[in-house]
Amino acid sequence: MRFIVRLIGLALLAGAFAAAVIDGARSIAASKLILTPLGATLYWAFPNKMPLLQPFIERQIHPFLWNPILYNLLRAPNWVVFGLVGVALLYIIRRRPPPIGYSARDRRSWS
C-alpha cells in the first residue's frame, strides 16, 4: 500500500512540475502571467461530467462545500493543487524517525 501511495504522490509532483513548465512557457510566449486553473483542466478532461458537478454537490452533499471550498479549489492553478496533494501524500507515508534516546537495535524489537 505504501508503494502505491508513494507512486501516486510522485506522479502528482511530476504533474505539478509539468503544469508549472507549461504555464511558464505560455506566460513567456504571451509576455504576461498565465496560470491554468484546475477547473479548466478538469473540464478539458471530463467535458460531460463537469457541468453536473455543482448541482450534484449542492443537492446531495451540502451547498457550503461548493461555494467557498470547491469553487476556490477549482480556481487555483494546476501546479499548486497537484504539488500540495503530492507533498501531502508523501508526508503522510514517510518513515517516522527513531525516538531520541533509544538504540536502533531496540527499535527492531518494537516493530
N, C-alpha and C. Protein backbone atom coordinates (compact mmCIF):
# COMPACT_ATOMS: atom_id res chain seq x y z
N MET A 1 0.83 -1.19 0.00
CA MET A 1 0.00 0.00 0.00
C MET A 1 0.88 1.26 0.00
N ARG A 2 1.95 1.22 0.78
CA ARG A 2 2.84 2.38 0.86
C ARG A 2 3.44 2.68 -0.51
N PHE A 3 3.76 1.64 -1.26
CA PHE A 3 4.36 1.81 -2.59
C PHE A 3 3.40 2.54 -3.52
N ILE A 4 2.13 2.14 -3.50
CA ILE A 4 1.15 2.75 -4.40
C ILE A 4 0.90 4.21 -4.04
N VAL A 5 0.80 4.51 -2.75
CA VAL A 5 0.59 5.90 -2.34
C VAL A 5 1.81 6.73 -2.69
N ARG A 6 3.01 6.18 -2.49
CA ARG A 6 4.23 6.91 -2.86
C ARG A 6 4.27 7.14 -4.37
N LEU A 7 3.88 6.14 -5.15
CA LEU A 7 3.86 6.28 -6.61
C LEU A 7 2.88 7.37 -7.04
N ILE A 8 1.71 7.41 -6.42
CA ILE A 8 0.72 8.44 -6.75
C ILE A 8 1.25 9.81 -6.35
N GLY A 9 1.87 9.92 -5.18
CA GLY A 9 2.43 11.19 -4.74
C GLY A 9 3.52 11.69 -5.68
N LEU A 10 4.40 10.80 -6.10
CA LEU A 10 5.46 11.20 -7.03
C LEU A 10 4.89 11.56 -8.40
N ALA A 11 3.86 10.85 -8.84
CA ALA A 11 3.22 11.18 -10.12
C ALA A 11 2.56 12.55 -10.05
N LEU A 12 1.94 12.87 -8.91
CA LEU A 12 1.34 14.19 -8.76
C LEU A 12 2.40 15.29 -8.73
N LEU A 13 3.53 15.03 -8.09
CA LEU A 13 4.61 16.01 -8.11
C LEU A 13 5.17 16.21 -9.52
N ALA A 14 5.29 15.12 -10.27
CA ALA A 14 5.74 15.24 -11.66
C ALA A 14 4.73 16.01 -12.49
N GLY A 15 3.43 15.76 -12.25
CA GLY A 15 2.39 16.52 -12.95
C GLY A 15 2.41 17.99 -12.58
N ALA A 16 2.70 18.29 -11.31
CA ALA A 16 2.81 19.69 -10.89
C ALA A 16 3.97 20.38 -11.59
N PHE A 17 5.10 19.68 -11.70
CA PHE A 17 6.25 20.25 -12.38
C PHE A 17 5.93 20.49 -13.86
N ALA A 18 5.30 19.52 -14.50
CA ALA A 18 4.94 19.68 -15.92
C ALA A 18 3.95 20.82 -16.11
N ALA A 19 2.97 20.94 -15.22
CA ALA A 19 2.00 22.03 -15.33
C ALA A 19 2.67 23.38 -15.12
N ALA A 20 3.64 23.45 -14.20
CA ALA A 20 4.36 24.70 -13.98
C ALA A 20 5.19 25.08 -15.20
N VAL A 21 5.81 24.09 -15.84
CA VAL A 21 6.60 24.35 -17.05
C VAL A 21 5.69 24.83 -18.18
N ILE A 22 4.55 24.19 -18.34
CA ILE A 22 3.61 24.59 -19.39
C ILE A 22 3.10 26.01 -19.15
N ASP A 23 2.72 26.31 -17.90
CA ASP A 23 2.26 27.67 -17.59
C ASP A 23 3.37 28.68 -17.79
N GLY A 24 4.60 28.30 -17.45
CA GLY A 24 5.72 29.20 -17.65
C GLY A 24 5.98 29.48 -19.12
N ALA A 25 5.92 28.44 -19.94
CA ALA A 25 6.14 28.62 -21.37
C ALA A 25 5.03 29.47 -22.00
N ARG A 26 3.80 29.25 -21.57
CA ARG A 26 2.69 30.06 -22.09
C ARG A 26 2.80 31.50 -21.63
N SER A 27 3.28 31.70 -20.40
CA SER A 27 3.45 33.07 -19.89
C SER A 27 4.55 33.80 -20.65
N ILE A 28 5.64 33.11 -20.95
CA ILE A 28 6.72 33.75 -21.71
C ILE A 28 6.26 34.08 -23.11
N ALA A 29 5.52 33.17 -23.73
CA ALA A 29 5.05 33.42 -25.10
C ALA A 29 4.06 34.57 -25.16
N ALA A 30 3.25 34.73 -24.13
CA ALA A 30 2.24 35.80 -24.14
C ALA A 30 2.75 37.09 -23.50
N SER A 31 3.92 37.06 -22.91
CA SER A 31 4.51 38.22 -22.22
C SER A 31 3.64 38.72 -21.07
N LYS A 32 2.90 37.82 -20.46
CA LYS A 32 2.13 38.12 -19.25
C LYS A 32 1.92 36.81 -18.50
N LEU A 33 1.58 36.92 -17.24
CA LEU A 33 1.40 35.73 -16.41
C LEU A 33 0.11 35.01 -16.78
N ILE A 34 0.25 33.74 -17.13
CA ILE A 34 -0.90 32.90 -17.46
C ILE A 34 -0.83 31.66 -16.58
N LEU A 35 -1.86 31.46 -15.76
CA LEU A 35 -1.96 30.29 -14.90
C LEU A 35 -3.22 29.52 -15.28
N THR A 36 -3.08 28.25 -15.55
CA THR A 36 -4.21 27.42 -15.91
C THR A 36 -4.90 26.93 -14.65
N PRO A 37 -6.18 27.28 -14.46
CA PRO A 37 -6.87 26.81 -13.25
C PRO A 37 -7.21 25.32 -13.34
N LEU A 38 -7.35 24.71 -12.18
CA LEU A 38 -7.67 23.29 -12.11
C LEU A 38 -9.02 22.99 -12.76
N GLY A 39 -9.98 23.90 -12.61
CA GLY A 39 -11.30 23.69 -13.21
C GLY A 39 -11.26 23.60 -14.72
N ALA A 40 -10.39 24.40 -15.35
CA ALA A 40 -10.27 24.34 -16.82
C ALA A 40 -9.67 23.01 -17.25
N THR A 41 -8.71 22.52 -16.51
CA THR A 41 -8.10 21.23 -16.85
C THR A 41 -9.10 20.10 -16.66
N LEU A 42 -9.85 20.13 -15.57
CA LEU A 42 -10.85 19.09 -15.34
C LEU A 42 -11.96 19.16 -16.38
N TYR A 43 -12.33 20.37 -16.79
CA TYR A 43 -13.34 20.50 -17.84
C TYR A 43 -12.83 19.95 -19.17
N TRP A 44 -11.54 20.17 -19.44
CA TRP A 44 -10.95 19.64 -20.66
C TRP A 44 -10.92 18.11 -20.62
N ALA A 45 -10.64 17.54 -19.44
CA ALA A 45 -10.55 16.08 -19.31
C ALA A 45 -11.93 15.42 -19.26
N PHE A 46 -12.91 16.07 -18.61
CA PHE A 46 -14.24 15.50 -18.45
C PHE A 46 -15.30 16.51 -18.87
N PRO A 47 -15.47 16.77 -20.17
CA PRO A 47 -16.39 17.83 -20.58
C PRO A 47 -17.87 17.53 -20.29
N ASN A 48 -18.25 16.27 -20.21
CA ASN A 48 -19.65 15.94 -19.96
C ASN A 48 -19.99 15.90 -18.48
N LYS A 49 -19.02 15.64 -17.64
CA LYS A 49 -19.28 15.48 -16.21
C LYS A 49 -19.13 16.76 -15.40
N MET A 50 -18.28 17.68 -15.83
CA MET A 50 -18.03 18.88 -15.04
C MET A 50 -19.26 19.77 -14.86
N PRO A 51 -20.12 19.97 -15.87
CA PRO A 51 -21.32 20.78 -15.61
C PRO A 51 -22.27 20.15 -14.58
N LEU A 52 -22.16 18.84 -14.37
CA LEU A 52 -23.03 18.16 -13.41
C LEU A 52 -22.47 18.19 -11.99
N LEU A 53 -21.25 18.64 -11.82
CA LEU A 53 -20.59 18.58 -10.52
C LEU A 53 -21.23 19.55 -9.52
N GLN A 54 -21.45 20.79 -9.90
CA GLN A 54 -22.01 21.77 -8.97
C GLN A 54 -23.40 21.38 -8.48
N PRO A 55 -24.35 21.05 -9.37
CA PRO A 55 -25.68 20.66 -8.85
C PRO A 55 -25.63 19.41 -7.97
N PHE A 56 -24.77 18.47 -8.32
CA PHE A 56 -24.68 17.26 -7.51
C PHE A 56 -24.19 17.58 -6.10
N ILE A 57 -23.15 18.38 -5.99
CA ILE A 57 -22.59 18.69 -4.67
C ILE A 57 -23.56 19.55 -3.87
N GLU A 58 -24.21 20.51 -4.51
CA GLU A 58 -25.13 21.37 -3.77
C GLU A 58 -26.37 20.62 -3.30
N ARG A 59 -26.85 19.66 -4.07
CA ARG A 59 -28.06 18.93 -3.68
C ARG A 59 -27.78 17.71 -2.81
N GLN A 60 -26.77 16.95 -3.16
CA GLN A 60 -26.54 15.68 -2.48
C GLN A 60 -25.66 15.79 -1.24
N ILE A 61 -24.70 16.70 -1.24
CA ILE A 61 -23.78 16.78 -0.10
C ILE A 61 -24.14 17.99 0.76
N HIS A 62 -23.72 19.18 0.34
CA HIS A 62 -24.05 20.40 1.08
C HIS A 62 -23.65 21.61 0.23
N PRO A 63 -24.49 22.65 0.18
CA PRO A 63 -24.14 23.83 -0.63
C PRO A 63 -22.88 24.54 -0.13
N PHE A 64 -22.60 24.47 1.17
CA PHE A 64 -21.42 25.13 1.72
C PHE A 64 -20.13 24.53 1.15
N LEU A 65 -20.15 23.26 0.80
CA LEU A 65 -18.96 22.62 0.25
C LEU A 65 -18.62 23.18 -1.12
N TRP A 66 -19.62 23.57 -1.89
CA TRP A 66 -19.34 24.06 -3.24
C TRP A 66 -18.77 25.47 -3.23
N ASN A 67 -19.53 26.43 -2.67
CA ASN A 67 -19.16 27.83 -2.87
C ASN A 67 -17.83 28.22 -2.24
N PRO A 68 -17.59 28.13 -0.98
CA PRO A 68 -16.29 28.62 -0.53
C PRO A 68 -15.15 27.63 -0.73
N ILE A 69 -15.43 26.35 -0.76
CA ILE A 69 -14.33 25.37 -0.76
C ILE A 69 -13.97 24.91 -2.17
N LEU A 70 -14.86 24.16 -2.82
CA LEU A 70 -14.53 23.61 -4.12
C LEU A 70 -14.42 24.67 -5.21
N TYR A 71 -15.19 25.72 -5.12
CA TYR A 71 -15.10 26.79 -6.12
C TYR A 71 -13.71 27.41 -6.12
N ASN A 72 -13.20 27.71 -4.94
CA ASN A 72 -11.86 28.28 -4.86
C ASN A 72 -10.78 27.26 -5.22
N LEU A 73 -11.00 26.00 -4.91
CA LEU A 73 -10.04 24.96 -5.29
C LEU A 73 -9.97 24.82 -6.81
N LEU A 74 -11.10 24.91 -7.48
CA LEU A 74 -11.12 24.81 -8.94
C LEU A 74 -10.53 26.04 -9.62
N ARG A 75 -10.46 27.16 -8.92
CA ARG A 75 -9.84 28.36 -9.47
C ARG A 75 -8.33 28.40 -9.24
N ALA A 76 -7.81 27.54 -8.39
CA ALA A 76 -6.38 27.52 -8.08
C ALA A 76 -5.60 26.95 -9.27
N PRO A 77 -4.35 27.36 -9.44
CA PRO A 77 -3.53 26.83 -10.54
C PRO A 77 -3.29 25.32 -10.39
N ASN A 78 -3.17 24.66 -11.53
CA ASN A 78 -2.93 23.21 -11.55
C ASN A 78 -1.73 22.82 -10.71
N TRP A 79 -0.62 23.49 -10.94
CA TRP A 79 0.62 23.06 -10.31
C TRP A 79 0.58 23.22 -8.80
N VAL A 80 -0.18 24.18 -8.31
CA VAL A 80 -0.29 24.35 -6.86
C VAL A 80 -1.07 23.18 -6.24
N VAL A 81 -2.20 22.85 -6.84
CA VAL A 81 -3.04 21.78 -6.29
C VAL A 81 -2.33 20.44 -6.40
N PHE A 82 -1.78 20.12 -7.57
CA PHE A 82 -1.08 18.86 -7.73
C PHE A 82 0.12 18.77 -6.79
N GLY A 83 0.85 19.85 -6.66
CA GLY A 83 2.03 19.86 -5.80
C GLY A 83 1.67 19.67 -4.33
N LEU A 84 0.64 20.37 -3.86
CA LEU A 84 0.24 20.24 -2.46
C LEU A 84 -0.29 18.84 -2.14
N VAL A 85 -1.08 18.28 -3.03
CA VAL A 85 -1.61 16.94 -2.79
C VAL A 85 -0.48 15.91 -2.84
N GLY A 86 0.45 16.06 -3.77
CA GLY A 86 1.59 15.14 -3.86
C GLY A 86 2.48 15.22 -2.63
N VAL A 87 2.78 16.42 -2.17
CA VAL A 87 3.61 16.58 -0.96
C VAL A 87 2.88 16.03 0.25
N ALA A 88 1.57 16.26 0.34
CA ALA A 88 0.80 15.75 1.47
C ALA A 88 0.81 14.22 1.50
N LEU A 89 0.65 13.59 0.35
CA LEU A 89 0.69 12.12 0.31
C LEU A 89 2.07 11.59 0.72
N LEU A 90 3.11 12.21 0.22
CA LEU A 90 4.45 11.76 0.58
C LEU A 90 4.75 12.02 2.05
N TYR A 91 4.24 13.09 2.60
CA TYR A 91 4.45 13.38 4.02
C TYR A 91 3.72 12.39 4.91
N ILE A 92 2.51 12.00 4.50
CA ILE A 92 1.71 11.08 5.31
C ILE A 92 2.38 9.71 5.41
N ILE A 93 2.98 9.24 4.32
CA ILE A 93 3.53 7.89 4.31
C ILE A 93 5.02 7.84 4.61
N ARG A 94 5.61 8.94 5.03
CA ARG A 94 7.05 8.93 5.31
C ARG A 94 7.34 8.01 6.48
N ARG A 95 8.58 7.53 6.53
CA ARG A 95 9.02 6.72 7.66
C ARG A 95 9.28 7.64 8.84
N ARG A 96 8.81 7.23 9.99
CA ARG A 96 8.99 8.03 11.18
C ARG A 96 10.43 7.91 11.67
N PRO A 97 11.00 9.01 12.15
CA PRO A 97 12.36 8.92 12.69
C PRO A 97 12.36 8.14 14.00
N PRO A 98 13.47 7.49 14.32
CA PRO A 98 13.51 6.74 15.58
C PRO A 98 13.42 7.68 16.76
N PRO A 99 12.83 7.23 17.85
CA PRO A 99 12.73 8.09 19.02
C PRO A 99 14.12 8.41 19.57
N ILE A 100 14.25 9.61 20.07
CA ILE A 100 15.54 10.04 20.60
C ILE A 100 15.77 9.36 21.95
N GLY A 101 17.00 8.88 22.14
CA GLY A 101 17.35 8.27 23.41
C GLY A 101 17.23 6.76 23.42
N TYR A 102 16.84 6.16 22.28
CA TYR A 102 16.73 4.72 22.19
C TYR A 102 17.67 4.21 21.11
N SER A 103 18.16 3.03 21.27
CA SER A 103 19.06 2.44 20.31
C SER A 103 18.27 1.94 19.10
N ALA A 104 18.89 1.96 17.94
CA ALA A 104 18.23 1.45 16.74
C ALA A 104 18.00 -0.05 16.85
N ARG A 105 18.86 -0.74 17.61
CA ARG A 105 18.67 -2.18 17.80
C ARG A 105 17.42 -2.44 18.63
N ASP A 106 17.12 -1.57 19.58
CA ASP A 106 15.91 -1.73 20.38
C ASP A 106 14.66 -1.48 19.56
N ARG A 107 14.75 -0.64 18.56
CA ARG A 107 13.60 -0.29 17.73
C ARG A 107 13.14 -1.47 16.90
N ARG A 108 14.07 -2.34 16.46
CA ARG A 108 13.67 -3.51 15.66
C ARG A 108 12.75 -4.43 16.43
N SER A 109 12.92 -4.50 17.72
CA SER A 109 12.06 -5.38 18.51
C SER A 109 10.67 -4.78 18.71
N TRP A 110 10.50 -3.46 18.51
CA TRP A 110 9.20 -2.83 18.66
C TRP A 110 8.29 -3.14 17.48
N SER A 111 8.84 -3.31 16.30
CA SER A 111 8.02 -3.47 15.10
C SER A 111 7.36 -4.80 15.01
